[in-house]
Amino acid sequence: MSTRVTIAHARELGYCVKGVRRWFDGRERSWKAFVEHGVDSDWLRATGDAMAIRLADLAEGGVRAEDGS
């Protein structure tokens, strides 16, 4: 089941907002859509990017930002 992932999740993990914005360049989802509405965790997982997957994990409740478990 997919979960909505937002910019707040990225901030909780301490991700650089500028870096996240660059990450969206050239992808099928836009930075603007992410900031305004979030994206599905399933879509983030499908990118295969380790940081995107960690973000999906956090949003789904499987990771705590403070210790990565």
PDB file of N, CA and C in Angstrom:
ATOM      1  N   MET A   1       0.835  -1.176   0.000  1.00  0.00           N
ATOM      2  CA  MET A   1       0.000   0.000   0.000  1.00  0.00           C
ATOM      3  C   MET A   1       0.885   1.246   0.000  1.00  0.00           C
ATOM      4  N   SER A   2       0.628   2.118  -0.909  1.00  0.00           N
ATOM      5  CA  SER A   2       1.436   3.318  -1.057  1.00  0.00           C
ATOM      6  C   SER A   2       1.023   4.389  -0.041  1.00  0.00           C
ATOM      7  N   THR A   3       2.003   5.143   0.390  1.00  0.00           N
ATOM      8  CA  THR A   3       1.814   6.218   1.350  1.00  0.00           C
ATOM      9  C   THR A   3       2.250   7.527   0.699  1.00  0.00           C
ATOM     10  N   ARG A   4       1.610   8.612   1.048  1.00  0.00           N
ATOM     11  CA  ARG A   4       1.982   9.928   0.522  1.00  0.00           C
ATOM     12  C   ARG A   4       3.252  10.393   1.231  1.00  0.00           C
ATOM     13  N   VAL A   5       4.268  10.749   0.459  1.00  0.00           N
ATOM     14  CA  VAL A   5       5.541  11.239   0.980  1.00  0.00           C
ATOM     15  C   VAL A   5       5.618  12.732   0.675  1.00  0.00           C
ATOM     16  N   THR A   6       5.974  13.517   1.676  1.00  0.00           N
ATOM     17  CA  THR A   6       5.983  14.972   1.522  1.00  0.00           C
ATOM     18  C   THR A   6       7.358  15.563   1.789  1.00  0.00           C
ATOM     19  N   ILE A   7       7.476  16.843   1.497  1.00  0.00           N
ATOM     20  CA  ILE A   7       8.711  17.562   1.783  1.00  0.00           C
ATOM     21  C   ILE A   7       9.027  17.526   3.276  1.00  0.00           C
ATOM     22  N   ALA A   8       8.006  17.455   4.116  1.00  0.00           N
ATOM     23  CA  ALA A   8       8.236  17.371   5.566  1.00  0.00           C
ATOM     24  C   ALA A   8       9.008  16.106   5.915  1.00  0.00           C
ATOM     25  N   HIS A   9       8.741  15.005   5.217  1.00  0.00           N
ATOM     26  CA  HIS A   9       9.492  13.772   5.456  1.00  0.00           C
ATOM     27  C   HIS A   9      10.964  13.964   5.084  1.00  0.00           C
ATOM     28  N   ALA A  10      11.206  14.619   3.962  1.00  0.00           N
ATOM     29  CA  ALA A  10      12.586  14.861   3.532  1.00  0.00           C
ATOM     30  C   ALA A  10      13.323  15.721   4.553  1.00  0.00           C
ATOM     31  N   ARG A  11      12.647  16.715   5.063  1.00  0.00           N
ATOM     32  CA  ARG A  11      13.256  17.577   6.085  1.00  0.00           C
ATOM     33  C   ARG A  11      13.529  16.794   7.363  1.00  0.00           C
ATOM     34  N   GLU A  12      12.609  15.911   7.717  1.00  0.00           N
ATOM     35  CA  GLU A  12      12.784  15.102   8.931  1.00  0.00           C
ATOM     36  C   GLU A  12      14.040  14.246   8.844  1.00  0.00           C
ATOM     37  N   LEU A  13      14.356  13.759   7.648  1.00  0.00           N
ATOM     38  CA  LEU A  13      15.574  12.966   7.462  1.00  0.00           C
ATOM     39  C   LEU A  13      16.822  13.833   7.352  1.00  0.00           C
ATOM     40  N   GLY A  14      16.624  15.144   7.290  1.00  0.00           N
ATOM     41  CA  GLY A  14      17.766  16.039   7.175  1.00  0.00           C
ATOM     42  C   GLY A  14      18.273  16.178   5.752  1.00  0.00           C
ATOM     43  N   TYR A  15      17.464  15.779   4.782  1.00  0.00           N
ATOM     44  CA  TYR A  15      17.867  15.905   3.384  1.00  0.00           C
ATOM     45  C   TYR A  15      17.947  17.373   3.001  1.00  0.00           C
ATOM     46  N   CYS A  16      18.942  17.711   2.218  1.00  0.00           N
ATOM     47  CA  CYS A  16      19.122  19.055   1.692  1.00  0.00           C
ATOM     48  C   CYS A  16      18.000  19.331   0.693  1.00  0.00           C
ATOM     49  N   VAL A  17      17.206  20.354   0.951  1.00  0.00           N
ATOM     50  CA  VAL A  17      16.061  20.655   0.092  1.00  0.00           C
ATOM     51  C   VAL A  17      16.530  20.972  -1.330  1.00  0.00           C
ATOM     52  N   LYS A  18      17.646  21.678  -1.462  1.00  0.00           N
ATOM     53  CA  LYS A  18      18.175  21.971  -2.801  1.00  0.00           C
ATOM     54  C   LYS A  18      18.548  20.679  -3.530  1.00  0.00           C
ATOM     55  N   GLY A  19      19.117  19.734  -2.802  1.00  0.00           N
ATOM     56  CA  GLY A  19      19.480  18.457  -3.399  1.00  0.00           C
ATOM     57  C   GLY A  19      18.255  17.657  -3.820  1.00  0.00           C
ATOM     58  N   VAL A  20      17.230  17.677  -3.001  1.00  0.00           N
ATOM     59  CA  VAL A  20      15.990  16.976  -3.339  1.00  0.00           C
ATOM     60  C   VAL A  20      15.365  17.618  -4.573  1.00  0.00           C
ATOM     61  N   ARG A  21      15.414  18.925  -4.628  1.00  0.00           N
ATOM     62  CA  ARG A  21      14.862  19.626  -5.793  1.00  0.00           C
ATOM     63  C   ARG A  21      15.596  19.207  -7.067  1.00  0.00           C
ATOM     64  N   ARG A  22      16.921  19.146  -7.007  1.00  0.00           N
ATOM     65  CA  ARG A  22      17.709  18.702  -8.165  1.00  0.00           C
ATOM     66  C   ARG A  22      17.400  17.255  -8.523  1.00  0.00           C
ATOM     67  N   TRP A  23      17.147  16.426  -7.518  1.00  0.00           N
ATOM     68  CA  TRP A  23      16.849  15.023  -7.754  1.00  0.00           C
ATOM     69  C   TRP A  23      15.609  14.867  -8.640  1.00  0.00           C
ATOM     70  N   PHE A  24      14.653  15.758  -8.506  1.00  0.00           N
ATOM     71  CA  PHE A  24      13.425  15.680  -9.299  1.00  0.00           C
ATOM     72  C   PHE A  24      13.624  16.102 -10.758  1.00  0.00           C
ATOM     73  N   ASP A  25      14.708  16.799 -11.078  1.00  0.00           N
ATOM     74  CA  ASP A  25      14.960  17.224 -12.461  1.00  0.00           C
ATOM     75  C   ASP A  25      14.971  16.018 -13.392  1.00  0.00           C
ATOM     76  N   GLY A  26      14.164  16.092 -14.440  1.00  0.00           N
ATOM     77  CA  GLY A  26      14.134  15.033 -15.450  1.00  0.00           C
ATOM     78  C   GLY A  26      13.338  13.796 -15.063  1.00  0.00           C
ATOM     79  N   ARG A  27      12.692  13.806 -13.935  1.00  0.00           N
ATOM     80  CA  ARG A  27      11.875  12.660 -13.516  1.00  0.00           C
ATOM     81  C   ARG A  27      10.416  12.905 -13.893  1.00  0.00           C
ATOM     82  N   GLU A  28       9.634  11.843 -13.881  1.00  0.00           N
ATOM     83  CA  GLU A  28       8.226  11.968 -14.302  1.00  0.00           C
ATOM     84  C   GLU A  28       7.352  12.718 -13.317  1.00  0.00           C
ATOM     85  N   ARG A  29       7.822  12.919 -12.098  1.00  0.00           N
ATOM     86  CA  ARG A  29       7.127  13.752 -11.121  1.00  0.00           C
ATOM     87  C   ARG A  29       7.924  15.041 -10.965  1.00  0.00           C
ATOM     88  N   SER A  30       7.248  16.130 -10.731  1.00  0.00           N
ATOM     89  CA  SER A  30       7.949  17.408 -10.632  1.00  0.00           C
ATOM     90  C   SER A  30       8.181  17.803  -9.174  1.00  0.00           C
ATOM     91  N   TRP A  31       9.174  18.655  -9.001  1.00  0.00           N
ATOM     92  CA  TRP A  31       9.452  19.237  -7.698  1.00  0.00           C
ATOM     93  C   TRP A  31       8.214  19.962  -7.173  1.00  0.00           C
ATOM     94  N   LYS A  32       7.564  20.744  -8.032  1.00  0.00           N
ATOM     95  CA  LYS A  32       6.385  21.507  -7.643  1.00  0.00           C
ATOM     96  C   LYS A  32       5.280  20.584  -7.128  1.00  0.00           C
ATOM     97  N   ALA A  33       5.044  19.492  -7.838  1.00  0.00           N
ATOM     98  CA  ALA A  33       4.013  18.536  -7.410  1.00  0.00           C
ATOM     99  C   ALA A  33       4.385  17.913  -6.059  1.00  0.00           C
ATOM    100  N   PHE A  34       5.671  17.615  -5.873  1.00  0.00           N
ATOM    101  CA  PHE A  34       6.129  17.042  -4.612  1.00  0.00           C
ATOM    102  C   PHE A  34       5.869  18.004  -3.462  1.00  0.00           C
ATOM    103  N   VAL A  35       6.228  19.255  -3.641  1.00  0.00           N
ATOM    104  CA  VAL A  35       6.049  20.247  -2.575  1.00  0.00           C
ATOM    105  C   VAL A  35       4.568  20.490  -2.296  1.00  0.00           C
ATOM    106  N   GLU A  36       3.767  20.559  -3.351  1.00  0.00           N
ATOM    107  CA  GLU A  36       2.354  20.889  -3.174  1.00  0.00           C
ATOM    108  C   GLU A  36       1.491  19.716  -2.723  1.00  0.00           C
ATOM    109  N   HIS A  37       1.813  18.505  -3.199  1.00  0.00           N
ATOM    110  CA  HIS A  37       0.924  17.363  -2.958  1.00  0.00           C
ATOM    111  C   HIS A  37       1.621  16.112  -2.430  1.00  0.00           C
ATOM    112  N   GLY A  38       2.937  16.067  -2.524  1.00  0.00           N
ATOM    113  CA  GLY A  38       3.664  14.860  -2.174  1.00  0.00           C
ATOM    114  C   GLY A  38       3.653  13.877  -3.329  1.00  0.00           C
ATOM    115  N   VAL A  39       4.343  12.756  -3.142  1.00  0.00           N
ATOM    116  CA  VAL A  39       4.388  11.688  -4.140  1.00  0.00           C
ATOM    117  C   VAL A  39       4.134  10.359  -3.437  1.00  0.00           C
ATOM    118  N   ASP A  40       3.775   9.351  -4.200  1.00  0.00           N
ATOM    119  CA  ASP A  40       3.525   8.027  -3.637  1.00  0.00           C
ATOM    120  C   ASP A  40       4.836   7.333  -3.274  1.00  0.00           C
ATOM    121  N   SER A  41       4.842   6.682  -2.140  1.00  0.00           N
ATOM    122  CA  SER A  41       6.034   5.950  -1.712  1.00  0.00           C
ATOM    123  C   SER A  41       6.394   4.846  -2.707  1.00  0.00           C
ATOM    124  N   ASP A  42       5.399   4.237  -3.341  1.00  0.00           N
ATOM    125  CA  ASP A  42       5.681   3.197  -4.345  1.00  0.00           C
ATOM    126  C   ASP A  42       6.481   3.760  -5.507  1.00  0.00           C
ATOM    127  N   TRP A  43       6.156   4.971  -5.926  1.00  0.00           N
ATOM    128  CA  TRP A  43       6.901   5.590  -7.017  1.00  0.00           C
ATOM    129  C   TRP A  43       8.342   5.845  -6.605  1.00  0.00           C
ATOM    130  N   LEU A  44       8.548   6.330  -5.382  1.00  0.00           N
ATOM    131  CA  LEU A  44       9.917   6.549  -4.906  1.00  0.00           C
ATOM    132  C   LEU A  44      10.700   5.241  -4.888  1.00  0.00           C
ATOM    133  N   ARG A  45      10.096   4.175  -4.405  1.00  0.00           N
ATOM    134  CA  ARG A  45      10.765   2.870  -4.377  1.00  0.00           C
ATOM    135  C   ARG A  45      11.151   2.403  -5.777  1.00  0.00           C
ATOM    136  N   ALA A  46      10.271   2.643  -6.720  1.00  0.00           N
ATOM    137  CA  ALA A  46      10.500   2.181  -8.092  1.00  0.00           C
ATOM    138  C   ALA A  46      11.697   2.866  -8.748  1.00  0.00           C
ATOM    139  N   THR A  47      12.127   4.018  -8.214  1.00  0.00           N
ATOM    140  CA  THR A  47      13.303   4.686  -8.789  1.00  0.00           C
ATOM    141  C   THR A  47      14.575   3.896  -8.514  1.00  0.00           C
ATOM    142  N   GLY A  48      14.560   3.082  -7.469  1.00  0.00           N
ATOM    143  CA  GLY A  48      15.744   2.311  -7.102  1.00  0.00           C
ATOM    144  C   GLY A  48      16.799   3.113  -6.358  1.00  0.00           C
ATOM    145  N   ASP A  49      16.547   4.378  -6.129  1.00  0.00           N
ATOM    146  CA  ASP A  49      17.491   5.254  -5.444  1.00  0.00           C
ATOM    147  C   ASP A  49      17.432   5.001  -3.937  1.00  0.00           C
ATOM    148  N   ALA A  50      18.587   4.744  -3.330  1.00  0.00           N
ATOM    149  CA  ALA A  50      18.629   4.390  -1.911  1.00  0.00           C
ATOM    150  C   ALA A  50      18.056   5.485  -1.013  1.00  0.00           C
ATOM    151  N   MET A  51      18.348   6.740  -1.320  1.00  0.00           N
ATOM    152  CA  MET A  51      17.829   7.830  -0.492  1.00  0.00           C
ATOM    153  C   MET A  51      16.321   7.981  -0.672  1.00  0.00           C
ATOM    154  N   ALA A  52      15.825   7.758  -1.877  1.00  0.00           N
ATOM    155  CA  ALA A  52      14.382   7.820  -2.121  1.00  0.00           C
ATOM    156  C   ALA A  52      13.677   6.689  -1.380  1.00  0.00           C
ATOM    157  N   ILE A  53      14.283   5.519  -1.369  1.00  0.00           N
ATOM    158  CA  ILE A  53      13.701   4.376  -0.664  1.00  0.00           C
ATOM    159  C   ILE A  53      13.682   4.639   0.844  1.00  0.00           C
ATOM    160  N   ARG A  54      14.725   5.241   1.373  1.00  0.00           N
ATOM    161  CA  ARG A  54      14.747   5.575   2.804  1.00  0.00           C
ATOM    162  C   ARG A  54      13.640   6.575   3.138  1.00  0.00           C
ATOM    163  N   LEU A  55      13.407   7.511   2.238  1.00  0.00           N
ATOM    164  CA  LEU A  55      12.329   8.482   2.413  1.00  0.00           C
ATOM    165  C   LEU A  55      10.974   7.778   2.427  1.00  0.00           C
ATOM    166  N   ALA A  56      10.780   6.831   1.518  1.00  0.00           N
ATOM    167  CA  ALA A  56       9.541   6.048   1.490  1.00  0.00           C
ATOM    168  C   ALA A  56       9.395   5.252   2.788  1.00  0.00           C
ATOM    169  N   ASP A  57      10.493   4.663   3.254  1.00  0.00           N
ATOM    170  CA  ASP A  57      10.458   3.904   4.509  1.00  0.00           C
ATOM    171  C   ASP A  57      10.013   4.784   5.673  1.00  0.00           C
ATOM    172  N   LEU A  58      10.568   5.987   5.745  1.00  0.00           N
ATOM    173  CA  LEU A  58      10.192   6.898   6.823  1.00  0.00           C
ATOM    174  C   LEU A  58       8.700   7.211   6.767  1.00  0.00           C
ATOM    175  N   ALA A  59       8.209   7.556   5.599  1.00  0.00           N
ATOM    176  CA  ALA A  59       6.796   7.920   5.454  1.00  0.00           C
ATOM    177  C   ALA A  59       5.878   6.757   5.816  1.00  0.00           C
ATOM    178  N   GLU A  60       6.328   5.552   5.534  1.00  0.00           N
ATOM    179  CA  GLU A  60       5.521   4.362   5.838  1.00  0.00           C
ATOM    180  C   GLU A  60       5.688   3.896   7.274  1.00  0.00           C
ATOM    181  N   GLY A  61       6.540   4.577   8.010  1.00  0.00           N
ATOM    182  CA  GLY A  61       6.706   4.257   9.425  1.00  0.00           C
ATOM    183  C   GLY A  61       7.750   3.198   9.726  1.00  0.00           C
ATOM    184  N   GLY A  62       8.524   2.784   8.729  1.00  0.00           N
ATOM    185  CA  GLY A  62       9.513   1.736   8.939  1.00  0.00           C
ATOM    186  C   GLY A  62      10.876   2.212   9.359  1.00  0.00           C
ATOM    187  N   VAL A  63      11.103   3.533   9.350  1.00  0.00           N
ATOM    188  CA  VAL A  63      12.397   4.102   9.705  1.00  0.00           C
ATOM    189  C   VAL A  63      12.146   5.280  10.606  1.00  0.00           C
ATOM    190  N   ARG A  64      12.986   5.398  11.617  1.00  0.00           N
ATOM    191  CA  ARG A  64      12.940   6.618  12.446  1.00  0.00           C
ATOM    192  C   ARG A  64      14.080   7.497  11.993  1.00  0.00           C
ATOM    193  N   ALA A  65      13.814   8.760  11.795  1.00  0.00           N
ATOM    194  CA  ALA A  65      14.808   9.683  11.257  1.00  0.00           C
ATOM    195  C   ALA A  65      16.047   9.779  12.134  1.00  0.00           C
ATOM    196  N   GLU A  66      15.878   9.713  13.447  1.00  0.00           N
ATOM    197  CA  GLU A  66      17.009   9.959  14.333  1.00  0.00           C
ATOM    198  C   GLU A  66      18.049   8.848  14.357  1.00  0.00           C
ATOM    199  N   ASP A  67      17.665   7.613  14.061  1.00  0.00           N
ATOM    200  CA  ASP A  67      18.663   6.546  14.132  1.00  0.00           C
ATOM    201  C   ASP A  67      18.714   5.654  12.911  1.00  0.00           C
ATOM    202  N   GLY A  68      17.837   5.859  11.942  1.00  0.00           N
ATOM    203  CA  GLY A  68      17.894   5.091  10.709  1.00  0.00           C
ATOM    204  C   GLY A  68      17.406   3.669  10.819  1.00  0.00           C
ATOM    205  N   SER A  69      16.846   3.274  11.974  1.00  0.00           N
ATOM    206  CA  SER A  69      16.380   1.879  12.099  1.00  0.00           C
ATOM    207  C   SER A  69      14.949   1.724  11.677  1.00  0.00           C
TER     208      SER A  69
END
